[in-house]
């Protein structure tokens, strides 16, 4: 197990969506995140997904205590987490605004 998961996440992915299998809230979070990324012109390739039912150790590695959860690593390496099914559109978009890279960049 990686001793510093934040630096690993930062090196390849700015966003990590933590889900619990195909639970309804996890499905909604996936759909809501995909729609918001498309609306904002953000590249979905920088997003990864971790299924905590398949890899529960990641809850400890990343400090996640509920699903779904969207983790964003800021440039300085500071993590931020948004919990829930991401259905609160304005809050999700504010959370994503500083995310890079954009598709049109």
PDB file of N, CA and C in Angstrom:
ATOM      1  N   UNK A   1       0.849  -1.180   0.000  1.00  0.00           N
ATOM      2  CA  UNK A   1       0.000   0.000   0.000  1.00  0.00           C
ATOM      3  C   UNK A   1       0.885   1.230   0.000  1.00  0.00           C
ATOM      4  N   UNK A   2       0.496   2.247  -0.749  1.00  0.00           N
ATOM      5  CA  UNK A   2       1.241   3.478  -0.867  1.00  0.00           C
ATOM      6  C   UNK A   2       1.152   4.270   0.435  1.00  0.00           C
ATOM      7  N   UNK A   3       2.264   4.725   0.942  1.00  0.00           N
ATOM      8  CA  UNK A   3       2.270   5.484   2.183  1.00  0.00           C
ATOM      9  C   UNK A   3       1.723   6.883   1.997  1.00  0.00           C
ATOM     10  N   UNK A   4       1.748   7.417   0.784  1.00  0.00           N
ATOM     11  CA  UNK A   4       1.254   8.764   0.530  1.00  0.00           C
ATOM     12  C   UNK A   4       0.330   8.753  -0.679  1.00  0.00           C
ATOM     13  N   UNK A   5      -0.944   8.363  -0.503  1.00  0.00           N
ATOM     14  CA  UNK A   5      -1.851   8.247  -1.639  1.00  0.00           C
ATOM     15  C   UNK A   5      -2.147   9.577  -2.303  1.00  0.00           C
ATOM     16  N   UNK A   6      -2.036  10.669  -1.576  1.00  0.00           N
ATOM     17  CA  UNK A   6      -2.340  11.969  -2.167  1.00  0.00           C
ATOM     18  C   UNK A   6      -1.349  12.294  -3.274  1.00  0.00           C
ATOM     19  N   UNK A   7      -0.061  12.056  -3.050  1.00  0.00           N
ATOM     20  CA  UNK A   7       0.907  12.383  -4.091  1.00  0.00           C
ATOM     21  C   UNK A   7       0.722  11.494  -5.311  1.00  0.00           C
ATOM     22  N   UNK A   8       0.349  10.237  -5.116  1.00  0.00           N
ATOM     23  CA  UNK A   8       0.077   9.353  -6.238  1.00  0.00           C
ATOM     24  C   UNK A   8      -1.135   9.836  -7.008  1.00  0.00           C
ATOM     25  N   UNK A   9      -2.200  10.197  -6.299  1.00  0.00           N
ATOM     26  CA  UNK A   9      -3.403  10.699  -6.959  1.00  0.00           C
ATOM     27  C   UNK A   9      -3.087  11.976  -7.720  1.00  0.00           C
ATOM     28  N   UNK A  10      -2.289  12.840  -7.129  1.00  0.00           N
ATOM     29  CA  UNK A  10      -1.961  14.115  -7.746  1.00  0.00           C
ATOM     30  C   UNK A  10      -1.175  13.924  -9.033  1.00  0.00           C
ATOM     31  N   UNK A  11      -0.349  12.895  -9.088  1.00  0.00           N
ATOM     32  CA  UNK A  11       0.509  12.726 -10.249  1.00  0.00           C
ATOM     33  C   UNK A  11      -0.270  12.338 -11.503  1.00  0.00           C
ATOM     34  N   UNK A  12      -1.417  11.686 -11.362  1.00  0.00           N
ATOM     35  CA  UNK A  12      -2.141  11.247 -12.545  1.00  0.00           C
ATOM     36  C   UNK A  12      -3.594  11.696 -12.590  1.00  0.00           C
ATOM     37  N   UNK A  13      -4.196  11.939 -11.463  1.00  0.00           N
ATOM     38  CA  UNK A  13      -5.612  12.288 -11.414  1.00  0.00           C
ATOM     39  C   UNK A  13      -5.843  13.419 -10.424  1.00  0.00           C
ATOM     40  N   UNK A  14      -6.617  14.399 -10.838  1.00  0.00           N
ATOM     41  CA  UNK A  14      -6.973  15.481  -9.928  1.00  0.00           C
ATOM     42  C   UNK A  14      -8.237  15.158  -9.158  1.00  0.00           C
ATOM     43  N   UNK A  15      -9.079  14.304  -9.707  1.00  0.00           N
ATOM     44  CA  UNK A  15     -10.344  13.948  -9.074  1.00  0.00           C
ATOM     45  C   UNK A  15     -10.419  12.441  -8.881  1.00  0.00           C
ATOM     46  N   UNK A  16     -10.918  12.047  -7.719  1.00  0.00           N
ATOM     47  CA  UNK A  16     -11.167  10.634  -7.460  1.00  0.00           C
ATOM     48  C   UNK A  16     -12.574  10.511  -6.900  1.00  0.00           C
ATOM     49  N   UNK A  17     -13.381   9.691  -7.555  1.00  0.00           N
ATOM     50  CA  UNK A  17     -14.738   9.422  -7.092  1.00  0.00           C
ATOM     51  C   UNK A  17     -14.728   8.097  -6.352  1.00  0.00           C
ATOM     52  N   UNK A  18     -15.121   8.136  -5.086  1.00  0.00           N
ATOM     53  CA  UNK A  18     -15.220   6.932  -4.267  1.00  0.00           C
ATOM     54  C   UNK A  18     -16.677   6.494  -4.265  1.00  0.00           C
ATOM     55  N   UNK A  19     -16.905   5.232  -4.615  1.00  0.00           N
ATOM     56  CA  UNK A  19     -18.264   4.693  -4.702  1.00  0.00           C
ATOM     57  C   UNK A  19     -18.353   3.383  -3.942  1.00  0.00           C
ATOM     58  N   UNK A  20     -19.586   2.921  -3.788  1.00  0.00           N
ATOM     59  CA  UNK A  20     -19.861   1.621  -3.169  1.00  0.00           C
ATOM     60  C   UNK A  20     -20.557   0.764  -4.213  1.00  0.00           C
ATOM     61  N   UNK A  21     -19.778   0.157  -5.085  1.00  0.00           N
ATOM     62  CA  UNK A  21     -20.326  -0.711  -6.123  1.00  0.00           C
ATOM     63  C   UNK A  21     -21.314   0.015  -7.017  1.00  0.00           C
ATOM     64  N   UNK A  22     -22.428  -0.660  -7.303  1.00  0.00           N
ATOM     65  CA  UNK A  22     -23.468  -0.089  -8.154  1.00  0.00           C
ATOM     66  C   UNK A  22     -24.668   0.374  -7.344  1.00  0.00           C
ATOM     67  N   UNK A  23     -24.433   0.782  -6.111  1.00  0.00           N
ATOM     68  CA  UNK A  23     -25.513   1.313  -5.276  1.00  0.00           C
ATOM     69  C   UNK A  23     -26.155   2.503  -5.984  1.00  0.00           C
ATOM     70  N   UNK A  24     -27.448   2.724  -5.778  1.00  0.00           N
ATOM     71  CA  UNK A  24     -28.133   3.830  -6.464  1.00  0.00           C
ATOM     72  C   UNK A  24     -27.451   5.188  -6.278  1.00  0.00           C
ATOM     73  N   UNK A  25     -26.998   5.501  -5.082  1.00  0.00           N
ATOM     74  CA  UNK A  25     -26.323   6.794  -4.871  1.00  0.00           C
ATOM     75  C   UNK A  25     -24.998   6.853  -5.641  1.00  0.00           C
ATOM     76  N   UNK A  26     -24.316   5.739  -5.738  1.00  0.00           N
ATOM     77  CA  UNK A  26     -23.067   5.707  -6.514  1.00  0.00           C
ATOM     78  C   UNK A  26     -23.354   5.913  -8.003  1.00  0.00           C
ATOM     79  N   UNK A  27     -24.399   5.296  -8.509  1.00  0.00           N
ATOM     80  CA  UNK A  27     -24.781   5.482  -9.915  1.00  0.00           C
ATOM     81  C   UNK A  27     -25.142   6.936 -10.188  1.00  0.00           C
ATOM     82  N   UNK A  28     -25.899   7.555  -9.272  1.00  0.00           N
ATOM     83  CA  UNK A  28     -26.257   8.970  -9.451  1.00  0.00           C
ATOM     84  C   UNK A  28     -25.014   9.850  -9.415  1.00  0.00           C
ATOM     85  N   UNK A  29     -24.092   9.549  -8.506  1.00  0.00           N
ATOM     86  CA  UNK A  29     -22.864  10.348  -8.420  1.00  0.00           C
ATOM     87  C   UNK A  29     -22.072  10.268  -9.717  1.00  0.00           C
ATOM     88  N   UNK A  30     -21.953   9.073 -10.275  1.00  0.00           N
ATOM     89  CA  UNK A  30     -21.236   8.913 -11.551  1.00  0.00           C
ATOM     90  C   UNK A  30     -21.882   9.769 -12.641  1.00  0.00           C
ATOM     91  N   UNK A  31     -23.202   9.664 -12.755  1.00  0.00           N
ATOM     92  CA  UNK A  31     -23.928  10.400 -13.798  1.00  0.00           C
ATOM     93  C   UNK A  31     -23.833  11.905 -13.574  1.00  0.00           C
ATOM     94  N   UNK A  32     -24.001  12.346 -12.334  1.00  0.00           N
ATOM     95  CA  UNK A  32     -23.937  13.781 -12.034  1.00  0.00           C
ATOM     96  C   UNK A  32     -22.547  14.340 -12.285  1.00  0.00           C
ATOM     97  N   UNK A  33     -21.519  13.596 -11.938  1.00  0.00           N
ATOM     98  CA  UNK A  33     -20.154  14.055 -12.178  1.00  0.00           C
ATOM     99  C   UNK A  33     -19.876  14.140 -13.678  1.00  0.00           C
ATOM    100  N   UNK A  34     -20.265  13.121 -14.425  1.00  0.00           N
ATOM    101  CA  UNK A  34     -20.042  13.125 -15.878  1.00  0.00           C
ATOM    102  C   UNK A  34     -20.749  14.317 -16.526  1.00  0.00           C
ATOM    103  N   UNK A  35     -21.970  14.592 -16.117  1.00  0.00           N
ATOM    104  CA  UNK A  35     -22.725  15.709 -16.688  1.00  0.00           C
ATOM    105  C   UNK A  35     -22.067  17.046 -16.344  1.00  0.00           C
ATOM    106  N   UNK A  36     -21.625  17.208 -15.116  1.00  0.00           N
ATOM    107  CA  UNK A  36     -20.984  18.464 -14.710  1.00  0.00           C
ATOM    108  C   UNK A  36     -19.665  18.667 -15.441  1.00  0.00           C
ATOM    109  N   UNK A  37     -18.873  17.616 -15.576  1.00  0.00           N
ATOM    110  CA  UNK A  37     -17.614  17.742 -16.310  1.00  0.00           C
ATOM    111  C   UNK A  37     -17.872  18.164 -17.751  1.00  0.00           C
ATOM    112  N   UNK A  38     -18.887  17.586 -18.372  1.00  0.00           N
ATOM    113  CA  UNK A  38     -19.226  17.937 -19.757  1.00  0.00           C
ATOM    114  C   UNK A  38     -19.685  19.394 -19.845  1.00  0.00           C
ATOM    115  N   UNK A  39     -20.542  19.806 -18.920  1.00  0.00           N
ATOM    116  CA  UNK A  39     -21.031  21.199 -18.924  1.00  0.00           C
ATOM    117  C   UNK A  39     -19.896  22.201 -18.789  1.00  0.00           C
ATOM    118  N   UNK A  40     -18.920  21.861 -17.959  1.00  0.00           N
ATOM    119  CA  UNK A  40     -17.822  22.788 -17.698  1.00  0.00           C
ATOM    120  C   UNK A  40     -16.661  22.634 -18.680  1.00  0.00           C
ATOM    121  N   UNK A  41     -16.747  21.668 -19.577  1.00  0.00           N
ATOM    122  CA  UNK A  41     -15.674  21.445 -20.539  1.00  0.00           C
ATOM    123  C   UNK A  41     -14.415  20.892 -19.906  1.00  0.00           C
ATOM    124  N   UNK A  42     -14.563  20.130 -18.829  1.00  0.00           N
ATOM    125  CA  UNK A  42     -13.416  19.537 -18.146  1.00  0.00           C
ATOM    126  C   UNK A  42     -13.172  18.127 -18.649  1.00  0.00           C
ATOM    127  N   UNK A  43     -11.934  17.744 -18.684  1.00  0.00           N
ATOM    128  CA  UNK A  43     -11.523  16.455 -19.222  1.00  0.00           C
ATOM    129  C   UNK A  43     -11.820  15.332 -18.229  1.00  0.00           C
ATOM    130  N   UNK A  44     -12.736  14.411 -18.559  1.00  0.00           N
ATOM    131  CA  UNK A  44     -13.048  13.305 -17.651  1.00  0.00           C
ATOM    132  C   UNK A  44     -11.904  12.305 -17.490  1.00  0.00           C
ATOM    133  N   UNK A  45     -10.904  12.362 -18.353  1.00  0.00           N
ATOM    134  CA  UNK A  45      -9.783  11.428 -18.264  1.00  0.00           C
ATOM    135  C   UNK A  45      -8.929  11.659 -17.020  1.00  0.00           C
ATOM    136  N   UNK A  46      -9.034  12.829 -16.403  1.00  0.00           N
ATOM    137  CA  UNK A  46      -8.264  13.096 -15.196  1.00  0.00           C
ATOM    138  C   UNK A  46      -9.011  12.640 -13.942  1.00  0.00           C
ATOM    139  N   UNK A  47     -10.125  11.951 -14.132  1.00  0.00           N
ATOM    140  CA  UNK A  47     -10.923  11.444 -13.016  1.00  0.00           C
ATOM    141  C   UNK A  47     -10.758   9.940 -12.929  1.00  0.00           C
ATOM    142  N   UNK A  48     -10.559   9.462 -11.725  1.00  0.00           N
ATOM    143  CA  UNK A  48     -10.532   8.013 -11.536  1.00  0.00           C
ATOM    144  C   UNK A  48     -11.615   7.650 -10.524  1.00  0.00           C
ATOM    145  N   UNK A  49     -11.943   6.374 -10.487  1.00  0.00           N
ATOM    146  CA  UNK A  49     -12.971   5.875  -9.587  1.00  0.00           C
ATOM    147  C   UNK A  49     -12.387   4.751  -8.741  1.00  0.00           C
ATOM    148  N   UNK A  50     -12.719   4.789  -7.453  1.00  0.00           N
ATOM    149  CA  UNK A  50     -12.323   3.712  -6.553  1.00  0.00           C
ATOM    150  C   UNK A  50     -13.589   3.150  -5.924  1.00  0.00           C
ATOM    151  N   UNK A  51     -13.792   1.856  -6.120  1.00  0.00           N
ATOM    152  CA  UNK A  51     -14.944   1.157  -5.547  1.00  0.00           C
ATOM    153  C   UNK A  51     -14.519   0.630  -4.178  1.00  0.00           C
ATOM    154  N   UNK A  52     -15.065   1.221  -3.141  1.00  0.00           N
ATOM    155  CA  UNK A  52     -14.662   0.848  -1.792  1.00  0.00           C
ATOM    156  C   UNK A  52     -15.198  -0.512  -1.358  1.00  0.00           C
ATOM    157  N   UNK A  53     -16.170  -1.063  -2.082  1.00  0.00           N
ATOM    158  CA  UNK A  53     -16.601  -2.424  -1.758  1.00  0.00           C
ATOM    159  C   UNK A  53     -15.551  -3.427  -2.227  1.00  0.00           C
ATOM    160  N   UNK A  54     -14.829  -3.092  -3.279  1.00  0.00           N
ATOM    161  CA  UNK A  54     -13.774  -3.963  -3.801  1.00  0.00           C
ATOM    162  C   UNK A  54     -12.435  -3.714  -3.116  1.00  0.00           C
ATOM    163  N   UNK A  55     -12.215  -2.496  -2.635  1.00  0.00           N
ATOM    164  CA  UNK A  55     -10.937  -2.135  -2.021  1.00  0.00           C
ATOM    165  C   UNK A  55     -11.171  -1.260  -0.792  1.00  0.00           C
ATOM    166  N   UNK A  56     -11.707  -1.839   0.291  1.00  0.00           N
ATOM    167  CA  UNK A  56     -12.053  -1.051   1.473  1.00  0.00           C
ATOM    168  C   UNK A  56     -10.860  -0.399   2.168  1.00  0.00           C
ATOM    169  N   UNK A  57      -9.652  -0.874   1.942  1.00  0.00           N
ATOM    170  CA  UNK A  57      -8.474  -0.272   2.573  1.00  0.00           C
ATOM    171  C   UNK A  57      -8.285   1.179   2.131  1.00  0.00           C
ATOM    172  N   UNK A  58      -8.842   1.525   0.972  1.00  0.00           N
ATOM    173  CA  UNK A  58      -8.703   2.892   0.476  1.00  0.00           C
ATOM    174  C   UNK A  58      -9.424   3.911   1.363  1.00  0.00           C
ATOM    175  N   UNK A  59     -10.404   3.458   2.149  1.00  0.00           N
ATOM    176  CA  UNK A  59     -11.067   4.389   3.070  1.00  0.00           C
ATOM    177  C   UNK A  59     -10.046   4.935   4.062  1.00  0.00           C
ATOM    178  N   UNK A  60      -9.169   4.086   4.540  1.00  0.00           N
ATOM    179  CA  UNK A  60      -8.126   4.525   5.479  1.00  0.00           C
ATOM    180  C   UNK A  60      -7.033   5.310   4.772  1.00  0.00           C
ATOM    181  N   UNK A  61      -6.635   4.847   3.602  1.00  0.00           N
ATOM    182  CA  UNK A  61      -5.552   5.508   2.878  1.00  0.00           C
ATOM    183  C   UNK A  61      -5.899   6.946   2.525  1.00  0.00           C
ATOM    184  N   UNK A  62      -7.171   7.191   2.192  1.00  0.00           N
ATOM    185  CA  UNK A  62      -7.588   8.528   1.771  1.00  0.00           C
ATOM    186  C   UNK A  62      -8.416   9.260   2.822  1.00  0.00           C
ATOM    187  N   UNK A  63      -8.772   8.603   3.914  1.00  0.00           N
ATOM    188  CA  UNK A  63      -9.559   9.252   4.957  1.00  0.00           C
ATOM    189  C   UNK A  63     -11.014   9.470   4.573  1.00  0.00           C
ATOM    190  N   UNK A  64     -11.545   8.640   3.721  1.00  0.00           N
ATOM    191  CA  UNK A  64     -12.933   8.752   3.278  1.00  0.00           C
ATOM    192  C   UNK A  64     -13.817   8.009   4.267  1.00  0.00           C
ATOM    193  N   UNK A  65     -14.904   8.638   4.708  1.00  0.00           N
ATOM    194  CA  UNK A  65     -15.753   7.995   5.708  1.00  0.00           C
ATOM    195  C   UNK A  65     -17.175   7.726   5.234  1.00  0.00           C
ATOM    196  N   UNK A  66     -17.503   8.104   4.014  1.00  0.00           N
ATOM    197  CA  UNK A  66     -18.837   7.845   3.467  1.00  0.00           C
ATOM    198  C   UNK A  66     -18.747   7.839   1.950  1.00  0.00           C
ATOM    199  N   UNK A  67     -19.712   7.184   1.309  1.00  0.00           N
ATOM    200  CA  UNK A  67     -19.767   7.193  -0.155  1.00  0.00           C
ATOM    201  C   UNK A  67     -21.159   7.624  -0.581  1.00  0.00           C
ATOM    202  N   UNK A  68     -21.230   8.160  -1.777  1.00  0.00           N
ATOM    203  CA  UNK A  68     -20.139   8.553  -2.656  1.00  0.00           C
ATOM    204  C   UNK A  68     -19.389   9.765  -2.101  1.00  0.00           C
ATOM    205  N   UNK A  69     -18.163   9.899  -2.539  1.00  0.00           N
ATOM    206  CA  UNK A  69     -17.316  11.026  -2.155  1.00  0.00           C
ATOM    207  C   UNK A  69     -16.434  11.385  -3.342  1.00  0.00           C
ATOM    208  N   UNK A  70     -16.296  12.674  -3.567  1.00  0.00           N
ATOM    209  CA  UNK A  70     -15.442  13.163  -4.649  1.00  0.00           C
ATOM    210  C   UNK A  70     -14.265  13.888  -4.016  1.00  0.00           C
ATOM    211  N   UNK A  71     -13.069  13.389  -4.264  1.00  0.00           N
ATOM    212  CA  UNK A  71     -11.842  13.961  -3.723  1.00  0.00           C
ATOM    213  C   UNK A  71     -11.147  14.753  -4.814  1.00  0.00           C
ATOM    214  N   UNK A  72     -10.768  15.964  -4.478  1.00  0.00           N
ATOM    215  CA  UNK A  72      -9.986  16.789  -5.405  1.00  0.00           C
ATOM    216  C   UNK A  72      -8.683  17.137  -4.723  1.00  0.00           C
ATOM    217  N   UNK A  73      -7.595  16.983  -5.446  1.00  0.00           N
ATOM    218  CA  UNK A  73      -6.278  17.352  -4.945  1.00  0.00           C
ATOM    219  C   UNK A  73      -5.899  18.683  -5.577  1.00  0.00           C
ATOM    220  N   UNK A  74      -5.727  19.687  -4.738  1.00  0.00           N
ATOM    221  CA  UNK A  74      -5.299  21.001  -5.236  1.00  0.00           C
ATOM    222  C   UNK A  74      -3.832  20.940  -5.652  1.00  0.00           C
ATOM    223  N   UNK A  75      -3.385  21.937  -6.382  1.00  0.00           N
ATOM    224  CA  UNK A  75      -2.022  21.979  -6.884  1.00  0.00           C
ATOM    225  C   UNK A  75      -1.007  21.871  -5.754  1.00  0.00           C
ATOM    226  N   UNK A  76      -1.303  22.468  -4.620  1.00  0.00           N
ATOM    227  CA  UNK A  76      -0.386  22.418  -3.476  1.00  0.00           C
ATOM    228  C   UNK A  76      -0.449  21.074  -2.751  1.00  0.00           C
ATOM    229  N   UNK A  77      -1.267  20.141  -3.249  1.00  0.00           N
ATOM    230  CA  UNK A  77      -1.387  18.833  -2.632  1.00  0.00           C
ATOM    231  C   UNK A  77      -2.429  18.747  -1.538  1.00  0.00           C
ATOM    232  N   UNK A  78      -3.200  19.812  -1.358  1.00  0.00           N
ATOM    233  CA  UNK A  78      -4.225  19.839  -0.325  1.00  0.00           C
ATOM    234  C   UNK A  78      -5.483  19.139  -0.828  1.00  0.00           C
ATOM    235  N   UNK A  79      -5.983  18.127  -0.087  1.00  0.00           N
ATOM    236  CA  UNK A  79      -7.197  17.434  -0.512  1.00  0.00           C
ATOM    237  C   UNK A  79      -8.461  18.165  -0.067  1.00  0.00           C
ATOM    238  N   UNK A  80      -9.484  18.084  -0.895  1.00  0.00           N
ATOM    239  CA  UNK A  80     -10.829  18.573  -0.563  1.00  0.00           C
ATOM    240  C   UNK A  80     -11.800  17.459  -0.931  1.00  0.00           C
ATOM    241  N   UNK A  81     -12.858  17.287  -0.130  1.00  0.00           N
ATOM    242  CA  UNK A  81     -13.813  16.214  -0.379  1.00  0.00           C
ATOM    243  C   UNK A  81     -15.225  16.778  -0.410  1.00  0.00           C
ATOM    244  N   UNK A  82     -16.000  16.314  -1.388  1.00  0.00           N
ATOM    245  CA  UNK A  82     -17.417  16.631  -1.495  1.00  0.00           C
ATOM    246  C   UNK A  82     -18.175  15.317  -1.356  1.00  0.00           C
ATOM    247  N   UNK A  83     -19.014  15.212  -0.336  1.00  0.00           N
ATOM    248  CA  UNK A  83     -19.745  13.975  -0.072  1.00  0.00           C
ATOM    249  C   UNK A  83     -21.163  14.054  -0.626  1.00  0.00           C
ATOM    250  N   UNK A  84     -21.702  12.902  -0.998  1.00  0.00           N
ATOM    251  CA  UNK A  84     -23.077  12.802  -1.475  1.00  0.00           C
ATOM    252  C   UNK A  84     -23.131  12.364  -2.923  1.00  0.00           C
ATOM    253  N   UNK A  85     -24.345  12.341  -3.473  1.00  0.00           N
ATOM    254  CA  UNK A  85     -24.532  11.845  -4.842  1.00  0.00           C
ATOM    255  C   UNK A  85     -24.267  12.912  -5.906  1.00  0.00           C
ATOM    256  N   UNK A  86     -23.733  14.054  -5.491  1.00  0.00           N
ATOM    257  CA  UNK A  86     -23.326  15.142  -6.386  1.00  0.00           C
ATOM    258  C   UNK A  86     -24.503  15.736  -7.154  1.00  0.00           C
ATOM    259  N   UNK A  87     -25.692  15.635  -6.580  1.00  0.00           N
ATOM    260  CA  UNK A  87     -26.889  16.151  -7.248  1.00  0.00           C
ATOM    261  C   UNK A  87     -27.090  17.648  -7.021  1.00  0.00           C
ATOM    262  N   UNK A  88     -26.323  18.231  -6.137  1.00  0.00           N
ATOM    263  CA  UNK A  88     -26.389  19.677  -5.889  1.00  0.00           C
ATOM    264  C   UNK A  88     -25.510  20.361  -6.934  1.00  0.00           C
ATOM    265  N   UNK A  89     -26.105  20.621  -8.105  1.00  0.00           N
ATOM    266  CA  UNK A  89     -25.364  21.121  -9.267  1.00  0.00           C
ATOM    267  C   UNK A  89     -24.469  22.309  -9.007  1.00  0.00           C
ATOM    268  N   UNK A  90     -24.998  23.400  -8.424  1.00  0.00           N
ATOM    269  CA  UNK A  90     -24.136  24.565  -8.187  1.00  0.00           C
ATOM    270  C   UNK A  90     -22.957  24.266  -7.253  1.00  0.00           C
ATOM    271  N   UNK A  91     -23.170  23.474  -6.219  1.00  0.00           N
ATOM    272  CA  UNK A  91     -22.083  23.132  -5.294  1.00  0.00           C
ATOM    273  C   UNK A  91     -21.030  22.287  -6.011  1.00  0.00           C
ATOM    274  N   UNK A  92     -21.469  21.339  -6.830  1.00  0.00           N
ATOM    275  CA  UNK A  92     -20.541  20.499  -7.579  1.00  0.00           C
ATOM    276  C   UNK A  92     -19.730  21.343  -8.558  1.00  0.00           C
ATOM    277  N   UNK A  93     -20.385  22.250  -9.256  1.00  0.00           N
ATOM    278  CA  UNK A  93     -19.670  23.081 -10.222  1.00  0.00           C
ATOM    279  C   UNK A  93     -18.663  24.000  -9.535  1.00  0.00           C
ATOM    280  N   UNK A  94     -19.016  24.554  -8.368  1.00  0.00           N
ATOM    281  CA  UNK A  94     -18.050  25.367  -7.616  1.00  0.00           C
ATOM    282  C   UNK A  94     -16.843  24.510  -7.210  1.00  0.00           C
ATOM    283  N   UNK A  95     -17.116  23.282  -6.805  1.00  0.00           N
ATOM    284  CA  UNK A  95     -16.054  22.364  -6.405  1.00  0.00           C
ATOM    285  C   UNK A  95     -15.118  22.067  -7.571  1.00  0.00           C
ATOM    286  N   UNK A  96     -15.671  21.962  -8.770  1.00  0.00           N
ATOM    287  CA  UNK A  96     -14.897  21.601  -9.960  1.00  0.00           C
ATOM    288  C   UNK A  96     -14.229  22.778 -10.653  1.00  0.00           C
ATOM    289  N   UNK A  97     -14.634  23.991 -10.361  1.00  0.00           N
ATOM    290  CA  UNK A  97     -14.176  25.161 -11.114  1.00  0.00           C
ATOM    291  C   UNK A  97     -12.663  25.252 -11.207  1.00  0.00           C
ATOM    292  N   UNK A  98     -11.955  24.949 -10.142  1.00  0.00           N
ATOM    293  CA  UNK A  98     -10.502  25.075 -10.175  1.00  0.00           C
ATOM    294  C   UNK A  98      -9.816  23.845 -10.724  1.00  0.00           C
ATOM    295  N   UNK A  99     -10.606  22.839 -11.086  1.00  0.00           N
ATOM    296  CA  UNK A  99     -10.052  21.589 -11.616  1.00  0.00           C
ATOM    297  C   UNK A  99      -9.478  21.828 -13.005  1.00  0.00           C
ATOM    298  N   UNK A 100      -8.370  21.225 -13.297  1.00  0.00           N
ATOM    299  CA  UNK A 100      -7.749  21.310 -14.621  1.00  0.00           C
ATOM    300  C   UNK A 100      -7.443  19.902 -15.109  1.00  0.00           C
ATOM    301  N   UNK A 101      -7.194  19.659 -16.351  1.00  0.00           N
ATOM    302  CA  UNK A 101      -7.207  20.568 -17.473  1.00  0.00           C
ATOM    303  C   UNK A 101      -8.562  20.644 -18.154  1.00  0.00           C
ATOM    304  N   UNK A 102      -8.775  21.723 -18.869  1.00  0.00           N
ATOM    305  CA  UNK A 102      -9.992  21.908 -19.649  1.00  0.00           C
ATOM    306  C   UNK A 102      -9.807  21.254 -21.008  1.00  0.00           C
ATOM    307  N   UNK A 103     -10.911  20.829 -21.604  1.00  0.00           N
ATOM    308  CA  UNK A 103     -10.856  20.221 -22.939  1.00  0.00           C
ATOM    309  C   UNK A 103     -10.469  21.237 -24.000  1.00  0.00           C
ATOM    310  N   UNK A 104     -10.867  22.498 -23.828  1.00  0.00           N
ATOM    311  CA  UNK A 104     -10.629  23.522 -24.840  1.00  0.00           C
ATOM    312  C   UNK A 104      -9.306  24.244 -24.645  1.00  0.00           C
ATOM    313  N   UNK A 105      -8.508  23.817 -23.683  1.00  0.00           N
ATOM    314  CA  UNK A 105      -7.251  24.508 -23.407  1.00  0.00           C
ATOM    315  C   UNK A 105      -6.163  24.059 -24.358  1.00  0.00           C
TER     316      UNK A 105
END
